[in-house]
Protein backbone atom coordinates (compact mmCIF):
# COMPACT_ATOMS: atom_id res chain seq x y z
CA MET A 1 -44.48 18.96 -5.66
CA LYS A 2 -42.63 17.27 -2.77
CA THR A 3 -43.01 13.91 -4.57
CA THR A 4 -41.57 15.43 -7.75
CA LYS A 5 -38.47 16.68 -5.87
CA ILE A 6 -37.96 13.27 -4.29
CA LYS A 7 -38.32 11.54 -7.67
CA SER A 8 -35.93 14.06 -9.23
CA GLY A 9 -33.44 13.45 -6.43
CA ILE A 10 -33.65 9.68 -6.86
CA LEU A 11 -33.21 10.02 -10.63
CA ALA A 12 -30.18 12.27 -10.11
CA VAL A 13 -28.57 9.74 -7.74
CA LEU A 14 -29.26 6.89 -10.20
CA ALA A 15 -27.79 8.94 -13.05
CA VAL A 16 -24.60 9.61 -11.06
CA LEU A 17 -24.29 5.94 -10.10
CA THR A 18 -24.87 4.86 -13.70
CA LEU A 19 -22.19 7.25 -14.95
CA SER A 20 -19.79 6.07 -12.23
CA PHE A 21 -20.25 2.43 -13.19
CA SER A 22 -19.96 3.31 -16.89
CA ALA A 23 -16.73 5.18 -16.23
CA ASP A 24 -15.34 2.18 -14.32
CA ALA A 25 -16.32 -0.18 -17.14
CA ALA A 26 -14.62 2.11 -19.67
CA ASN A 27 -11.35 1.74 -17.72
CA LYS A 28 -11.26 -2.04 -18.26
CA LYS A 29 -9.09 -2.73 -21.30
CA PRO A 30 -8.74 -6.19 -22.85
CA ILE A 31 -5.18 -7.29 -23.52
CA ASN A 32 -3.99 -7.99 -27.05
CA THR A 33 -3.13 -11.69 -26.80
CA GLU A 34 -1.39 -11.64 -30.19
CA LYS A 35 1.08 -8.93 -29.14
CA SER A 36 1.44 -9.79 -25.44
CA THR A 37 4.28 -12.20 -24.61
CA ILE A 38 5.61 -14.36 -21.82
CA ALA A 39 9.18 -15.64 -22.08
CA TRP A 40 10.37 -18.20 -19.52
CA VAL A 41 13.75 -19.43 -18.30
CA GLY A 42 14.27 -22.55 -16.21
CA LYS A 43 17.72 -23.20 -14.78
CA LYS A 44 19.47 -26.34 -13.65
CA VAL A 45 22.94 -27.18 -12.37
CA THR A 46 24.29 -27.90 -15.87
CA GLY A 47 22.63 -25.02 -17.74
CA GLN A 48 19.23 -23.65 -18.57
CA HIS A 49 16.36 -23.81 -21.04
CA ASN A 50 14.08 -21.08 -22.32
CA GLY A 51 10.91 -20.67 -24.26
CA THR A 52 7.55 -18.97 -24.46
CA ILE A 53 3.98 -19.41 -23.33
CA ASN A 54 0.90 -17.52 -24.52
CA PHE A 55 -1.83 -15.53 -22.89
CA LYS A 56 -5.32 -16.89 -23.50
CA SER A 57 -7.14 -13.75 -22.32
CA GLY A 58 -6.97 -10.92 -19.86
CA SER A 59 -7.72 -7.33 -19.07
CA VAL A 60 -6.16 -4.42 -17.24
CA ASP A 61 -8.06 -1.96 -15.09
CA LEU A 62 -6.90 1.64 -15.41
CA LYS A 63 -7.82 4.74 -13.46
CA ALA A 64 -6.51 8.10 -14.67
CA GLY A 65 -4.14 6.13 -16.92
CA LYS A 66 -2.61 4.16 -14.03
CA LEU A 67 -2.85 0.42 -13.45
CA VAL A 68 -5.25 -0.36 -10.59
CA GLY A 69 -6.20 -3.97 -11.30
CA GLY A 70 -6.57 -6.72 -13.84
CA SER A 71 -6.75 -10.42 -14.45
CA PHE A 72 -4.96 -12.72 -16.86
CA VAL A 73 -5.36 -16.27 -18.13
CA VAL A 74 -2.33 -18.14 -19.51
CA ASP A 75 -2.81 -21.04 -21.94
CA MET A 76 -0.52 -23.67 -20.39
CA THR A 77 -0.90 -25.89 -23.47
CA THR A 78 1.23 -23.40 -25.44
CA ILE A 79 4.50 -24.03 -23.56
CA THR A 80 7.22 -23.97 -26.18
CA VAL A 81 10.95 -24.61 -25.84
CA LYS A 82 13.08 -22.21 -27.93
CA ASP A 83 16.65 -23.34 -27.22
CA LEU A 84 16.32 -26.94 -28.47
CA GLU A 85 15.33 -28.58 -31.74
CA GLY A 86 14.07 -31.94 -32.92
CA ASP A 87 13.64 -34.83 -30.50
CA TYR A 88 15.18 -32.96 -27.54
CA LYS A 89 12.72 -30.09 -27.99
CA GLY A 90 9.78 -32.51 -28.20
CA LYS A 91 10.90 -34.48 -25.15
CA LEU A 92 11.32 -31.39 -22.97
CA GLU A 93 7.99 -29.90 -24.09
CA GLY A 94 6.31 -33.23 -23.35
CA HIS A 95 7.93 -33.38 -19.92
CA LEU A 96 6.90 -29.77 -19.09
CA ASN A 97 3.32 -30.65 -20.07
CA SER A 98 3.34 -33.83 -17.94
CA ASP A 99 2.24 -34.18 -14.32
CA ASP A 100 5.92 -33.93 -13.27
CA PHE A 101 5.68 -30.24 -14.12
CA PHE A 102 2.54 -28.35 -15.19
CA GLY A 103 0.06 -31.22 -15.77
CA VAL A 104 -1.63 -29.35 -18.61
CA THR A 105 -4.17 -32.08 -19.33
CA LYS A 106 -5.73 -31.49 -15.91
CA HIS A 107 -4.66 -27.83 -15.59
CA PRO A 108 -4.72 -26.20 -19.05
CA GLU A 109 -4.81 -22.67 -17.61
CA ALA A 110 -2.88 -20.59 -15.09
CA THR A 111 -4.29 -17.31 -13.81
CA PHE A 112 -3.18 -14.13 -12.11
CA VAL A 113 -5.65 -11.74 -10.50
CA ILE A 114 -4.33 -8.39 -9.28
CA THR A 115 -5.55 -7.61 -5.76
CA SER A 116 -3.68 -4.33 -5.19
CA VAL A 117 -1.32 -1.90 -6.89
CA GLU A 118 0.92 0.60 -5.10
CA GLY A 119 3.08 2.52 -7.56
CA ASN A 120 4.84 -0.17 -9.61
CA SER A 121 4.34 -2.84 -6.94
CA VAL A 122 1.64 -5.31 -7.94
CA LYS A 123 0.17 -7.94 -5.62
CA GLY A 124 -2.20 -10.69 -6.57
CA ASP A 125 -3.29 -14.29 -6.57
CA LEU A 126 -1.32 -16.58 -8.87
CA THR A 127 -2.85 -19.98 -9.64
CA ILE A 128 -0.77 -22.69 -11.30
CA LYS A 129 -1.66 -26.37 -11.38
CA GLY A 130 -4.69 -25.74 -9.17
CA HIS A 131 -2.66 -24.12 -6.36
CA THR A 132 -3.09 -20.42 -5.52
CA GLU A 133 -0.38 -18.34 -3.87
CA LYS A 134 -0.07 -14.63 -3.10
CA LYS A 135 2.60 -13.06 -5.28
CA ALA A 136 4.13 -9.57 -5.39
CA PHE A 137 6.38 -8.12 -8.07
CA THR A 138 7.20 -4.96 -9.97
CA LEU A 139 5.51 -4.03 -13.25
CA THR A 140 6.21 -0.93 -15.31
CA LYS A 141 3.53 0.76 -17.43
CA LYS A 142 4.62 2.69 -20.50
CA GLY A 143 1.89 3.80 -22.89
CA ASN A 144 -0.28 0.79 -23.66
CA THR A 145 2.29 -1.74 -22.42
CA ILE A 146 2.91 -3.22 -18.98
CA SER A 147 6.08 -5.26 -18.48
CA GLY A 148 8.18 -6.86 -15.80
CA ASP A 149 10.35 -9.77 -14.74
CA ILE A 150 8.97 -12.27 -12.26
CA LYS A 151 10.55 -15.15 -10.32
CA ILE A 152 8.26 -17.96 -9.25
CA ASP A 153 9.06 -20.76 -6.83
CA ARG A 154 7.57 -23.76 -8.63
CA THR A 155 7.54 -25.92 -5.50
CA LYS A 156 4.78 -23.73 -4.02
CA PHE A 157 2.58 -25.02 -6.87
CA ASP A 158 3.37 -28.71 -6.30
CA ILE A 159 6.00 -28.84 -9.05
CA ARG A 160 8.74 -30.75 -7.27
CA TYR A 161 10.43 -32.78 -10.01
CA GLY A 162 14.21 -32.49 -9.72
CA SER A 163 14.03 -30.12 -6.73
CA LYS A 164 16.90 -30.43 -4.29
CA SER A 165 14.50 -29.03 -1.67
CA PHE A 166 12.62 -32.35 -1.81
CA PHE A 167 15.06 -34.92 -3.19
CA ASP A 168 18.56 -35.85 -2.03
CA ASN A 169 21.49 -36.94 -4.20
CA LEU A 170 20.33 -35.23 -7.40
CA LYS A 171 23.84 -33.86 -8.02
CA ASP A 172 23.97 -32.40 -11.55
CA LYS A 173 20.34 -33.45 -12.22
CA ALA A 174 18.97 -30.78 -9.83
CA ILE A 175 16.63 -28.15 -11.27
CA ASP A 176 16.31 -24.73 -9.62
CA ASP A 177 13.12 -24.25 -7.66
CA GLU A 178 12.60 -20.80 -9.18
CA PHE A 179 11.82 -20.15 -12.80
CA GLU A 180 11.81 -16.71 -14.40
CA LEU A 181 9.20 -15.00 -16.52
CA SER A 182 9.59 -11.85 -18.63
CA VAL A 183 6.08 -10.54 -19.20
CA ASN A 184 5.07 -7.95 -21.78
CA ILE A 185 1.35 -7.12 -21.78
CA VAL A 186 -0.08 -4.98 -24.60
CA PHE A 187 -3.59 -3.56 -24.32
């Protein structure tokens, strides 16, 4: 009888643990890569350029409907310039894909892994071009969408081309160290 109670107790604990892990797994939601978007803006002394880049995969972790974690993979080979056409568009896309910028042949993916969430403040590990940096920014969740604007200092990821922080006498050829992303994640 004592053995039966112990076995029943062990089974009860295992059942609770199984349900707990099942509930956690149910809170992981894959993102819809077709509907999720990333728009970018890069500025320079004489103007700016903009375009898009696509998510490859990702998921958000929710608890009681609130964002508590997640991870995302960006397909760096999908960098597209939207404000130019023809040869100029092709040249800039080629340059952004080159080792001067994102080196997509060697680094076809960028990732972001959320390490903590406090309210709308999200912190995580951002990896671009093989370099990982801690990054914090604000994201807003509304229904099944999470969105926000993010500024990233490209020089922290060994993207130094045209940076006045590293090169003198660039004058009107200087490119801002920060680029901007507007992220809209649908799950």
